[in-house]
Amino acid sequence: MSDPQNNEYSKRTETIGGRYCARVDNVDPGAIIGRGQGATRAEAEQQAIESAALTLNLRDASQAMRRSAELLPTNRGTK
């Protein structure tokens, strides 16, 4: 196992059966940000990475929308 502060950190658990599961953790707050499963380890990892990327993109979009809403004038609709 590698150092968790390194971007190359990887933890693997062997599975019994025909399906693999993978998850992507954000180690700073300790949250799972992506999950995936597939017939191969590579497929499960790819799905988890894509899920994590979507999660992060949605978070960034939400933050941008919140910042934009905060810049709107507060006196809208009044004369």
C-alpha atoms as a PDB file:
ATOM      1  CA  MET A   1       0.000   0.000   0.000  1.00  0.00           C
ATOM      2  CA  SER A   2       1.241   3.507  -0.799  1.00  0.00           C
ATOM      3  CA  ASP A   3       1.158   6.742   1.162  1.00  0.00           C
ATOM      4  CA  PRO A   4      -2.438   8.146   1.261  1.00  0.00           C
ATOM      5  CA  GLN A   5      -1.063  11.655   0.621  1.00  0.00           C
ATOM      6  CA  ASN A   6       0.275  10.471  -2.730  1.00  0.00           C
ATOM      7  CA  ASN A   7      -2.097  10.737  -5.710  1.00  0.00           C
ATOM      8  CA  GLU A   8      -1.073   7.221  -6.669  1.00  0.00           C
ATOM      9  CA  TYR A   9      -2.477   5.677  -3.470  1.00  0.00           C
ATOM     10  CA  SER A  10      -4.290   2.441  -4.133  1.00  0.00           C
ATOM     11  CA  LYS A  11      -6.022  -0.081  -1.901  1.00  0.00           C
ATOM     12  CA  ARG A  12      -7.137  -3.407  -3.290  1.00  0.00           C
ATOM     13  CA  THR A  13      -9.319  -6.132  -1.852  1.00  0.00           C
ATOM     14  CA  GLU A  14      -9.542  -9.420  -3.676  1.00  0.00           C
ATOM     15  CA  THR A  15     -13.013 -10.664  -4.497  1.00  0.00           C
ATOM     16  CA  ILE A  16     -14.512 -14.104  -4.845  1.00  0.00           C
ATOM     17  CA  GLY A  17     -16.989 -14.370  -7.672  1.00  0.00           C
ATOM     18  CA  GLY A  18     -17.510 -12.872 -11.068  1.00  0.00           C
ATOM     19  CA  ARG A  19     -17.946  -9.161 -10.256  1.00  0.00           C
ATOM     20  CA  TYR A  20     -15.456  -6.520  -9.217  1.00  0.00           C
ATOM     21  CA  CYS A  21     -16.260  -3.380  -7.256  1.00  0.00           C
ATOM     22  CA  ALA A  22     -14.163  -0.226  -7.048  1.00  0.00           C
ATOM     23  CA  ARG A  23     -14.472   3.065  -5.242  1.00  0.00           C
ATOM     24  CA  VAL A  24     -12.729   6.422  -5.378  1.00  0.00           C
ATOM     25  CA  ASP A  25     -12.167   8.140  -2.025  1.00  0.00           C
ATOM     26  CA  ASN A  26     -11.406  11.773  -1.411  1.00  0.00           C
ATOM     27  CA  VAL A  27      -8.881  11.112   1.346  1.00  0.00           C
ATOM     28  CA  ASP A  28      -8.888  14.662   2.778  1.00  0.00           C
ATOM     29  CA  PRO A  29     -12.472  14.623   4.099  1.00  0.00           C
ATOM     30  CA  GLY A  30     -12.624  10.837   3.837  1.00  0.00           C
ATOM     31  CA  ALA A  31     -15.646  10.655   1.530  1.00  0.00           C
ATOM     32  CA  ILE A  32     -16.385   8.158  -1.221  1.00  0.00           C
ATOM     33  CA  ILE A  33     -16.897  10.197  -4.390  1.00  0.00           C
ATOM     34  CA  GLY A  34     -17.221   7.423  -6.967  1.00  0.00           C
ATOM     35  CA  ARG A  35     -18.202   3.773  -7.206  1.00  0.00           C
ATOM     36  CA  GLY A  36     -18.130   1.284 -10.033  1.00  0.00           C
ATOM     37  CA  GLN A  37     -18.544  -2.379 -10.746  1.00  0.00           C
ATOM     38  CA  GLY A  38     -17.844  -4.635 -13.667  1.00  0.00           C
ATOM     39  CA  ALA A  39     -16.842  -8.029 -14.930  1.00  0.00           C
ATOM     40  CA  THR A  40     -13.152  -7.014 -14.763  1.00  0.00           C
ATOM     41  CA  ARG A  41     -11.142  -4.954 -12.328  1.00  0.00           C
ATOM     42  CA  ALA A  42     -10.301  -2.455 -15.069  1.00  0.00           C
ATOM     43  CA  GLU A  43     -13.989  -2.011 -15.947  1.00  0.00           C
ATOM     44  CA  ALA A  44     -14.926  -1.451 -12.295  1.00  0.00           C
ATOM     45  CA  GLU A  45     -12.103   1.047 -11.810  1.00  0.00           C
ATOM     46  CA  GLN A  46     -13.009   2.938 -14.993  1.00  0.00           C
ATOM     47  CA  GLN A  47     -16.639   3.252 -13.890  1.00  0.00           C
ATOM     48  CA  ALA A  48     -15.554   4.462 -10.437  1.00  0.00           C
ATOM     49  CA  ILE A  49     -13.251   7.079 -11.966  1.00  0.00           C
ATOM     50  CA  GLU A  50     -15.996   8.310 -14.312  1.00  0.00           C
ATOM     51  CA  SER A  51     -18.446   8.475 -11.392  1.00  0.00           C
ATOM     52  CA  ALA A  52     -15.943  10.464  -9.315  1.00  0.00           C
ATOM     53  CA  ALA A  53     -15.299  12.881 -12.189  1.00  0.00           C
ATOM     54  CA  LEU A  54     -19.039  13.460 -12.573  1.00  0.00           C
ATOM     55  CA  THR A  55     -19.399  14.041  -8.822  1.00  0.00           C
ATOM     56  CA  LEU A  56     -16.585  16.595  -8.822  1.00  0.00           C
ATOM     57  CA  ASN A  57     -17.920  18.352 -11.938  1.00  0.00           C
ATOM     58  CA  LEU A  58     -21.394  18.617 -10.391  1.00  0.00           C
ATOM     59  CA  ARG A  59     -19.891  19.995  -7.177  1.00  0.00           C
ATOM     60  CA  ASP A  60     -17.927  22.608  -9.125  1.00  0.00           C
ATOM     61  CA  ALA A  61     -21.020  23.592 -11.144  1.00  0.00           C
ATOM     62  CA  SER A  62     -23.081  23.888  -7.974  1.00  0.00           C
ATOM     63  CA  GLN A  63     -20.470  26.143  -6.372  1.00  0.00           C
ATOM     64  CA  ALA A  64     -20.314  28.334  -9.502  1.00  0.00           C
ATOM     65  CA  MET A  65     -24.111  28.647  -9.568  1.00  0.00           C
ATOM     66  CA  ARG A  66     -24.160  29.556  -5.869  1.00  0.00           C
ATOM     67  CA  ARG A  67     -21.510  32.261  -6.434  1.00  0.00           C
ATOM     68  CA  SER A  68     -23.504  33.651  -9.379  1.00  0.00           C
ATOM     69  CA  ALA A  69     -26.703  33.736  -7.319  1.00  0.00           C
ATOM     70  CA  GLU A  70     -24.917  35.634  -4.564  1.00  0.00           C
ATOM     71  CA  LEU A  71     -23.977  38.348  -7.089  1.00  0.00           C
ATOM     72  CA  LEU A  72     -27.584  38.977  -8.121  1.00  0.00           C
ATOM     73  CA  PRO A  73     -29.021  42.286  -6.901  1.00  0.00           C
ATOM     74  CA  THR A  74     -31.040  41.853  -3.720  1.00  0.00           C
ATOM     75  CA  ASN A  75     -33.577  44.533  -4.635  1.00  0.00           C
ATOM     76  CA  ARG A  76     -34.961  42.828  -7.733  1.00  0.00           C
ATOM     77  CA  GLY A  77     -38.673  43.301  -8.285  1.00  0.00           C
ATOM     78  CA  THR A  78     -38.964  46.458  -6.199  1.00  0.00           C
ATOM     79  CA  LYS A  79     -39.360  49.961  -7.569  1.00  0.00           C
END
